[in-house]
Amino acid sequence: MDNNNFLTAREAADYLGFALSYLYKLTSTHKVPFYTPTGKHILFKRSELEEWVNNSRVATNDELVAKAQTNIMKKGGKL
């Protein structure tokens, strides 16, 4: 196992800028990817945390308007 790719819970919380308690809340609700190889200690893969953050992007208002306009036009509506 390459220990450079895995982070402890404290390291992951620091990396993400979260409180440790909030990170534990995310793990208890399975909202963030994690590993428990010993059944006790929680580990996180740095690359998976990066992907999780990247997939959490919120669209801008302009992007939402453009998407809504596209959907209206696809359904034969008028703007």
PDB file of N, CA and C in Angstrom:
ATOM      1  N   MET A   1       0.847  -1.173   0.000  1.00  0.00           N
ATOM      2  CA  MET A   1       0.000   0.000   0.000  1.00  0.00           C
ATOM      3  C   MET A   1       0.893   1.236   0.000  1.00  0.00           C
ATOM      4  N   ASP A   2       0.575   2.180  -0.862  1.00  0.00           N
ATOM      5  CA  ASP A   2       1.320   3.427  -0.944  1.00  0.00           C
ATOM      6  C   ASP A   2       0.706   4.423   0.032  1.00  0.00           C
ATOM      7  N   ASN A   3       1.375   4.647   1.153  1.00  0.00           N
ATOM      8  CA  ASN A   3       0.831   5.516   2.200  1.00  0.00           C
ATOM      9  C   ASN A   3       0.727   6.969   1.777  1.00  0.00           C
ATOM     10  N   ASN A   4       1.400   7.366   0.693  1.00  0.00           N
ATOM     11  CA  ASN A   4       1.300   8.741   0.222  1.00  0.00           C
ATOM     12  C   ASN A   4      -0.061   9.023  -0.397  1.00  0.00           C
ATOM     13  N   ASN A   5      -0.757   7.988  -0.848  1.00  0.00           N
ATOM     14  CA  ASN A   5      -2.063   8.167  -1.474  1.00  0.00           C
ATOM     15  C   ASN A   5      -3.196   8.179  -0.460  1.00  0.00           C
ATOM     16  N   PHE A   6      -2.957   7.678   0.729  1.00  0.00           N
ATOM     17  CA  PHE A   6      -4.003   7.583   1.744  1.00  0.00           C
ATOM     18  C   PHE A   6      -3.789   8.615   2.844  1.00  0.00           C
ATOM     19  N   LEU A   7      -4.895   9.120   3.353  1.00  0.00           N
ATOM     20  CA  LEU A   7      -4.862  10.109   4.424  1.00  0.00           C
ATOM     21  C   LEU A   7      -5.643   9.583   5.621  1.00  0.00           C
ATOM     22  N   THR A   8      -5.189   9.928   6.804  1.00  0.00           N
ATOM     23  CA  THR A   8      -5.971   9.633   8.001  1.00  0.00           C
ATOM     24  C   THR A   8      -7.154  10.595   8.031  1.00  0.00           C
ATOM     25  N   ALA A   9      -8.066  10.375   8.950  1.00  0.00           N
ATOM     26  CA  ALA A   9      -9.230  11.259   9.057  1.00  0.00           C
ATOM     27  C   ALA A   9      -8.788  12.690   9.354  1.00  0.00           C
ATOM     28  N   ARG A  10      -7.846  12.863  10.251  1.00  0.00           N
ATOM     29  CA  ARG A  10      -7.369  14.203  10.586  1.00  0.00           C
ATOM     30  C   ARG A  10      -6.702  14.860   9.375  1.00  0.00           C
ATOM     31  N   GLU A  11      -5.872  14.105   8.661  1.00  0.00           N
ATOM     32  CA  GLU A  11      -5.212  14.649   7.471  1.00  0.00           C
ATOM     33  C   GLU A  11      -6.234  15.015   6.401  1.00  0.00           C
ATOM     34  N   ALA A  12      -7.243  14.170   6.228  1.00  0.00           N
ATOM     35  CA  ALA A  12      -8.285  14.440   5.233  1.00  0.00           C
ATOM     36  C   ALA A  12      -9.084  15.681   5.614  1.00  0.00           C
ATOM     37  N   ALA A  13      -9.407  15.825   6.887  1.00  0.00           N
ATOM     38  CA  ALA A  13     -10.140  17.007   7.346  1.00  0.00           C
ATOM     39  C   ALA A  13      -9.322  18.269   7.095  1.00  0.00           C
ATOM     40  N   ASP A  14      -8.041  18.219   7.404  1.00  0.00           N
ATOM     41  CA  ASP A  14      -7.159  19.363   7.148  1.00  0.00           C
ATOM     42  C   ASP A  14      -7.070  19.652   5.657  1.00  0.00           C
ATOM     43  N   TYR A  15      -6.925  18.606   4.860  1.00  0.00           N
ATOM     44  CA  TYR A  15      -6.813  18.747   3.406  1.00  0.00           C
ATOM     45  C   TYR A  15      -8.059  19.414   2.824  1.00  0.00           C
ATOM     46  N   LEU A  16      -9.230  19.022   3.315  1.00  0.00           N
ATOM     47  CA  LEU A  16     -10.493  19.563   2.813  1.00  0.00           C
ATOM     48  C   LEU A  16     -10.889  20.877   3.487  1.00  0.00           C
ATOM     49  N   GLY A  17     -10.251  21.193   4.604  1.00  0.00           N
ATOM     50  CA  GLY A  17     -10.602  22.394   5.346  1.00  0.00           C
ATOM     51  C   GLY A  17     -11.861  22.224   6.179  1.00  0.00           C
ATOM     52  N   PHE A  18     -12.146  20.993   6.582  1.00  0.00           N
ATOM     53  CA  PHE A  18     -13.330  20.673   7.375  1.00  0.00           C
ATOM     54  C   PHE A  18     -12.925  20.412   8.816  1.00  0.00           C
ATOM     55  N   ALA A  19     -13.869  20.594   9.719  1.00  0.00           N
ATOM     56  CA  ALA A  19     -13.675  20.131  11.090  1.00  0.00           C
ATOM     57  C   ALA A  19     -13.708  18.603  11.065  1.00  0.00           C
ATOM     58  N   LEU A  20     -12.939  17.994  11.934  1.00  0.00           N
ATOM     59  CA  LEU A  20     -12.895  16.532  11.991  1.00  0.00           C
ATOM     60  C   LEU A  20     -14.281  15.960  12.267  1.00  0.00           C
ATOM     61  N   SER A  21     -15.044  16.612  13.129  1.00  0.00           N
ATOM     62  CA  SER A  21     -16.392  16.125  13.443  1.00  0.00           C
ATOM     63  C   SER A  21     -17.298  16.151  12.214  1.00  0.00           C
ATOM     64  N   TYR A  22     -17.137  17.155  11.358  1.00  0.00           N
ATOM     65  CA  TYR A  22     -17.952  17.226  10.143  1.00  0.00           C
ATOM     66  C   TYR A  22     -17.558  16.112   9.171  1.00  0.00           C
ATOM     67  N   LEU A  23     -16.267  15.829   9.072  1.00  0.00           N
ATOM     68  CA  LEU A  23     -15.823  14.735   8.206  1.00  0.00           C
ATOM     69  C   LEU A  23     -16.393  13.408   8.696  1.00  0.00           C
ATOM     70  N   TYR A  24     -16.403  13.195  10.004  1.00  0.00           N
ATOM     71  CA  TYR A  24     -16.998  11.973  10.544  1.00  0.00           C
ATOM     72  C   TYR A  24     -18.492  11.906  10.236  1.00  0.00           C
ATOM     73  N   LYS A  25     -19.164  13.042  10.265  1.00  0.00           N
ATOM     74  CA  LYS A  25     -20.587  13.073   9.912  1.00  0.00           C
ATOM     75  C   LYS A  25     -20.770  12.654   8.454  1.00  0.00           C
ATOM     76  N   LEU A  26     -19.889  13.129   7.571  1.00  0.00           N
ATOM     77  CA  LEU A  26     -19.965  12.752   6.156  1.00  0.00           C
ATOM     78  C   LEU A  26     -19.729  11.253   5.966  1.00  0.00           C
ATOM     79  N   THR A  27     -18.834  10.680   6.759  1.00  0.00           N
ATOM     80  CA  THR A  27     -18.596   9.237   6.635  1.00  0.00           C
ATOM     81  C   THR A  27     -19.775   8.444   7.183  1.00  0.00           C
ATOM     82  N   SER A  28     -20.382   8.918   8.254  1.00  0.00           N
ATOM     83  CA  SER A  28     -21.494   8.164   8.845  1.00  0.00           C
ATOM     84  C   SER A  28     -22.721   8.156   7.939  1.00  0.00           C
ATOM     85  N   THR A  29     -22.829   9.158   7.076  1.00  0.00           N
ATOM     86  CA  THR A  29     -23.949   9.216   6.129  1.00  0.00           C
ATOM     87  C   THR A  29     -23.521   8.760   4.735  1.00  0.00           C
ATOM     88  N   HIS A  30     -22.293   8.268   4.621  1.00  0.00           N
ATOM     89  CA  HIS A  30     -21.734   7.745   3.364  1.00  0.00           C
ATOM     90  C   HIS A  30     -21.799   8.769   2.230  1.00  0.00           C
ATOM     91  N   LYS A  31     -21.482  10.020   2.545  1.00  0.00           N
ATOM     92  CA  LYS A  31     -21.493  11.082   1.539  1.00  0.00           C
ATOM     93  C   LYS A  31     -20.108  11.367   0.981  1.00  0.00           C
ATOM     94  N   VAL A  32     -19.093  10.740   1.551  1.00  0.00           N
ATOM     95  CA  VAL A  32     -17.720  10.909   1.097  1.00  0.00           C
ATOM     96  C   VAL A  32     -17.094   9.513   1.026  1.00  0.00           C
ATOM     97  N   PRO A  33     -16.256   9.257   0.001  1.00  0.00           N
ATOM     98  CA  PRO A  33     -15.641   7.926  -0.113  1.00  0.00           C
ATOM     99  C   PRO A  33     -14.560   7.716   0.955  1.00  0.00           C
ATOM    100  N   PHE A  34     -14.573   6.535   1.570  1.00  0.00           N
ATOM    101  CA  PHE A  34     -13.585   6.228   2.607  1.00  0.00           C
ATOM    102  C   PHE A  34     -13.373   4.725   2.704  1.00  0.00           C
ATOM    103  N   TYR A  35     -12.332   4.345   3.433  1.00  0.00           N
ATOM    104  CA  TYR A  35     -11.959   2.940   3.617  1.00  0.00           C
ATOM    105  C   TYR A  35     -11.806   2.656   5.109  1.00  0.00           C
ATOM    106  N   THR A  36     -12.153   1.457   5.500  1.00  0.00           N
ATOM    107  CA  THR A  36     -11.923   0.990   6.872  1.00  0.00           C
ATOM    108  C   THR A  36     -11.282  -0.397   6.805  1.00  0.00           C
ATOM    109  N   PRO A  37      -9.987  -0.454   6.466  1.00  0.00           N
ATOM    110  CA  PRO A  37      -9.339  -1.753   6.273  1.00  0.00           C
ATOM    111  C   PRO A  37      -9.278  -2.609   7.535  1.00  0.00           C
ATOM    112  N   THR A  38      -9.226  -1.982   8.695  1.00  0.00           N
ATOM    113  CA  THR A  38      -9.165  -2.748   9.943  1.00  0.00           C
ATOM    114  C   THR A  38     -10.514  -2.790  10.639  1.00  0.00           C
ATOM    115  N   GLY A  39     -11.492  -2.116  10.060  1.00  0.00           N
ATOM    116  CA  GLY A  39     -12.804  -2.046  10.673  1.00  0.00           C
ATOM    117  C   GLY A  39     -12.900  -0.968  11.736  1.00  0.00           C
ATOM    118  N   LYS A  40     -11.780  -0.315  12.028  1.00  0.00           N
ATOM    119  CA  LYS A  40     -11.762   0.696  13.080  1.00  0.00           C
ATOM    120  C   LYS A  40     -11.284   2.041  12.539  1.00  0.00           C
ATOM    121  N   HIS A  41     -10.107   2.057  11.961  1.00  0.00           N
ATOM    122  CA  HIS A  41      -9.523   3.305  11.475  1.00  0.00           C
ATOM    123  C   HIS A  41     -10.055   3.634  10.089  1.00  0.00           C
ATOM    124  N   ILE A  42     -10.326   4.904   9.874  1.00  0.00           N
ATOM    125  CA  ILE A  42     -10.853   5.371   8.594  1.00  0.00           C
ATOM    126  C   ILE A  42      -9.715   5.981   7.790  1.00  0.00           C
ATOM    127  N   LEU A  43      -9.633   5.590   6.531  1.00  0.00           N
ATOM    128  CA  LEU A  43      -8.645   6.150   5.613  1.00  0.00           C
ATOM    129  C   LEU A  43      -9.357   6.727   4.399  1.00  0.00           C
ATOM    130  N   PHE A  44      -8.715   7.695   3.785  1.00  0.00           N
ATOM    131  CA  PHE A  44      -9.263   8.354   2.605  1.00  0.00           C
ATOM    132  C   PHE A  44      -8.202   8.368   1.524  1.00  0.00           C
ATOM    133  N   LYS A  45      -8.613   8.136   0.299  1.00  0.00           N
ATOM    134  CA  LYS A  45      -7.708   8.211  -0.834  1.00  0.00           C
ATOM    135  C   LYS A  45      -7.727   9.650  -1.346  1.00  0.00           C
ATOM    136  N   ARG A  46      -6.559  10.271  -1.392  1.00  0.00           N
ATOM    137  CA  ARG A  46      -6.459  11.672  -1.789  1.00  0.00           C
ATOM    138  C   ARG A  46      -7.119  11.919  -3.144  1.00  0.00           C
ATOM    139  N   SER A  47      -6.872  11.053  -4.116  1.00  0.00           N
ATOM    140  CA  SER A  47      -7.433  11.241  -5.463  1.00  0.00           C
ATOM    141  C   SER A  47      -8.961  11.170  -5.448  1.00  0.00           C
ATOM    142  N   GLU A  48      -9.529  10.320  -4.588  1.00  0.00           N
ATOM    143  CA  GLU A  48     -10.988  10.220  -4.502  1.00  0.00           C
ATOM    144  C   GLU A  48     -11.596  11.445  -3.826  1.00  0.00           C
ATOM    145  N   LEU A  49     -10.881  12.013  -2.863  1.00  0.00           N
ATOM    146  CA  LEU A  49     -11.362  13.251  -2.241  1.00  0.00           C
ATOM    147  C   LEU A  49     -11.354  14.390  -3.257  1.00  0.00           C
ATOM    148  N   GLU A  50     -10.290  14.453  -4.066  1.00  0.00           N
ATOM    149  CA  GLU A  50     -10.216  15.480  -5.108  1.00  0.00           C
ATOM    150  C   GLU A  50     -11.367  15.322  -6.094  1.00  0.00           C
ATOM    151  N   GLU A  51     -11.631  14.089  -6.512  1.00  0.00           N
ATOM    152  CA  GLU A  51     -12.733  13.823  -7.444  1.00  0.00           C
ATOM    153  C   GLU A  51     -14.079  14.176  -6.808  1.00  0.00           C
ATOM    154  N   TRP A  52     -14.253  13.840  -5.543  1.00  0.00           N
ATOM    155  CA  TRP A  52     -15.492  14.150  -4.825  1.00  0.00           C
ATOM    156  C   TRP A  52     -15.731  15.658  -4.784  1.00  0.00           C
ATOM    157  N   VAL A  53     -14.678  16.418  -4.502  1.00  0.00           N
ATOM    158  CA  VAL A  53     -14.796  17.881  -4.479  1.00  0.00           C
ATOM    159  C   VAL A  53     -15.114  18.401  -5.875  1.00  0.00           C
ATOM    160  N   ASN A  54     -14.413  17.902  -6.881  1.00  0.00           N
ATOM    161  CA  ASN A  54     -14.633  18.362  -8.257  1.00  0.00           C
ATOM    162  C   ASN A  54     -16.044  18.059  -8.748  1.00  0.00           C
ATOM    163  N   ASN A  55     -16.631  16.965  -8.295  1.00  0.00           N
ATOM    164  CA  ASN A  55     -17.986  16.600  -8.712  1.00  0.00           C
ATOM    165  C   ASN A  55     -19.065  17.339  -7.925  1.00  0.00           C
ATOM    166  N   SER A  56     -18.651  18.151  -6.970  1.00  0.00           N
ATOM    167  CA  SER A  56     -19.606  18.887  -6.139  1.00  0.00           C
ATOM    168  C   SER A  56     -19.800  20.325  -6.611  1.00  0.00           C
ATOM    169  N   ARG A  57     -19.377  20.604  -7.820  1.00  0.00           N
ATOM    170  CA  ARG A  57     -19.457  21.965  -8.350  1.00  0.00           C
ATOM    171  C   ARG A  57     -20.918  22.392  -8.493  1.00  0.00           C
ATOM    172  N   VAL A  58     -21.186  23.628  -8.118  1.00  0.00           N
ATOM    173  CA  VAL A  58     -22.524  24.207  -8.238  1.00  0.00           C
ATOM    174  C   VAL A  58     -22.533  25.101  -9.470  1.00  0.00           C
ATOM    175  N   ALA A  59     -23.539  24.927 -10.319  1.00  0.00           N
ATOM    176  CA  ALA A  59     -23.639  25.707 -11.552  1.00  0.00           C
ATOM    177  C   ALA A  59     -23.925  27.173 -11.241  1.00  0.00           C
ATOM    178  N   THR A  60     -23.418  28.055 -12.109  1.00  0.00           N
ATOM    179  CA  THR A  60     -23.699  29.481 -11.962  1.00  0.00           C
ATOM    180  C   THR A  60     -25.123  29.766 -12.430  1.00  0.00           C
ATOM    181  N   ASN A  61     -25.629  30.934 -12.090  1.00  0.00           N
ATOM    182  CA  ASN A  61     -26.966  31.329 -12.540  1.00  0.00           C
ATOM    183  C   ASN A  61     -27.046  31.351 -14.059  1.00  0.00           C
ATOM    184  N   ASP A  62     -26.005  31.858 -14.721  1.00  0.00           N
ATOM    185  CA  ASP A  62     -25.996  31.895 -16.185  1.00  0.00           C
ATOM    186  C   ASP A  62     -26.070  30.487 -16.775  1.00  0.00           C
ATOM    187  N   GLU A  63     -25.357  29.544 -16.174  1.00  0.00           N
ATOM    188  CA  GLU A  63     -25.397  28.161 -16.653  1.00  0.00           C
ATOM    189  C   GLU A  63     -26.782  27.553 -16.455  1.00  0.00           C
ATOM    190  N   LEU A  64     -27.412  27.848 -15.334  1.00  0.00           N
ATOM    191  CA  LEU A  64     -28.755  27.319 -15.072  1.00  0.00           C
ATOM    192  C   LEU A  64     -29.777  27.893 -16.049  1.00  0.00           C
ATOM    193  N   VAL A  65     -29.668  29.185 -16.342  1.00  0.00           N
ATOM    194  CA  VAL A  65     -30.582  29.817 -17.302  1.00  0.00           C
ATOM    195  C   VAL A  65     -30.385  29.207 -18.680  1.00  0.00           C
ATOM    196  N   ALA A  66     -29.135  29.029 -19.100  1.00  0.00           N
ATOM    197  CA  ALA A  66     -28.857  28.443 -20.411  1.00  0.00           C
ATOM    198  C   ALA A  66     -29.408  27.026 -20.501  1.00  0.00           C
ATOM    199  N   LYS A  67     -29.257  26.249 -19.440  1.00  0.00           N
ATOM    200  CA  LYS A  67     -29.773  24.878 -19.434  1.00  0.00           C
ATOM    201  C   LYS A  67     -31.298  24.879 -19.504  1.00  0.00           C
ATOM    202  N   ALA A  68     -31.930  25.779 -18.765  1.00  0.00           N
ATOM    203  CA  ALA A  68     -33.394  25.874 -18.794  1.00  0.00           C
ATOM    204  C   ALA A  68     -33.881  26.258 -20.184  1.00  0.00           C
ATOM    205  N   GLN A  69     -33.205  27.206 -20.820  1.00  0.00           N
ATOM    206  CA  GLN A  69     -33.587  27.622 -22.168  1.00  0.00           C
ATOM    207  C   GLN A  69     -33.431  26.476 -23.157  1.00  0.00           C
ATOM    208  N   THR A  70     -32.367  25.716 -23.026  1.00  0.00           N
ATOM    209  CA  THR A  70     -32.144  24.561 -23.901  1.00  0.00           C
ATOM    210  C   THR A  70     -33.249  23.534 -23.711  1.00  0.00           C
ATOM    211  N   ASN A  71     -33.625  23.266 -22.475  1.00  0.00           N
ATOM    212  CA  ASN A  71     -34.688  22.290 -22.200  1.00  0.00           C
ATOM    213  C   ASN A  71     -36.027  22.755 -22.751  1.00  0.00           C
ATOM    214  N   ILE A  72     -36.320  24.041 -22.645  1.00  0.00           N
ATOM    215  CA  ILE A  72     -37.570  24.579 -23.185  1.00  0.00           C
ATOM    216  C   ILE A  72     -37.596  24.419 -24.696  1.00  0.00           C
ATOM    217  N   MET A  73     -36.491  24.740 -25.348  1.00  0.00           N
ATOM    218  CA  MET A  73     -36.423  24.649 -26.812  1.00  0.00           C
ATOM    219  C   MET A  73     -36.534  23.193 -27.275  1.00  0.00           C
ATOM    220  N   LYS A  74     -35.956  22.254 -26.531  1.00  0.00           N
ATOM    221  CA  LYS A  74     -36.043  20.837 -26.892  1.00  0.00           C
ATOM    222  C   LYS A  74     -37.480  20.339 -26.836  1.00  0.00           C
ATOM    223  N   LYS A  75     -38.281  20.934 -25.956  1.00  0.00           N
ATOM    224  CA  LYS A  75     -39.671  20.509 -25.805  1.00  0.00           C
ATOM    225  C   LYS A  75     -40.599  21.290 -26.727  1.00  0.00           C
ATOM    226  N   GLY A  76     -40.034  22.084 -27.619  1.00  0.00           N
ATOM    227  CA  GLY A  76     -40.846  22.818 -28.586  1.00  0.00           C
ATOM    228  C   GLY A  76     -41.436  24.103 -28.062  1.00  0.00           C
ATOM    229  N   GLY A  77     -40.937  24.578 -26.971  1.00  0.00           N
ATOM    230  CA  GLY A  77     -41.453  25.814 -26.392  1.00  0.00           C
ATOM    231  C   GLY A  77     -40.809  27.037 -27.003  1.00  0.00           C
ATOM    232  N   LYS A  78     -41.325  28.184 -26.624  1.00  0.00           N
ATOM    233  CA  LYS A  78     -40.780  29.455 -27.087  1.00  0.00           C
ATOM    234  C   LYS A  78     -40.156  30.171 -25.905  1.00  0.00           C
ATOM    235  N   LEU A  79     -39.142  30.945 -26.217  1.00  0.00           N
ATOM    236  CA  LEU A  79     -38.498  31.741 -25.164  1.00  0.00           C
ATOM    237  C   LEU A  79     -39.115  33.105 -25.082  1.00  0.00           C
TER     238      LEU A  79
END
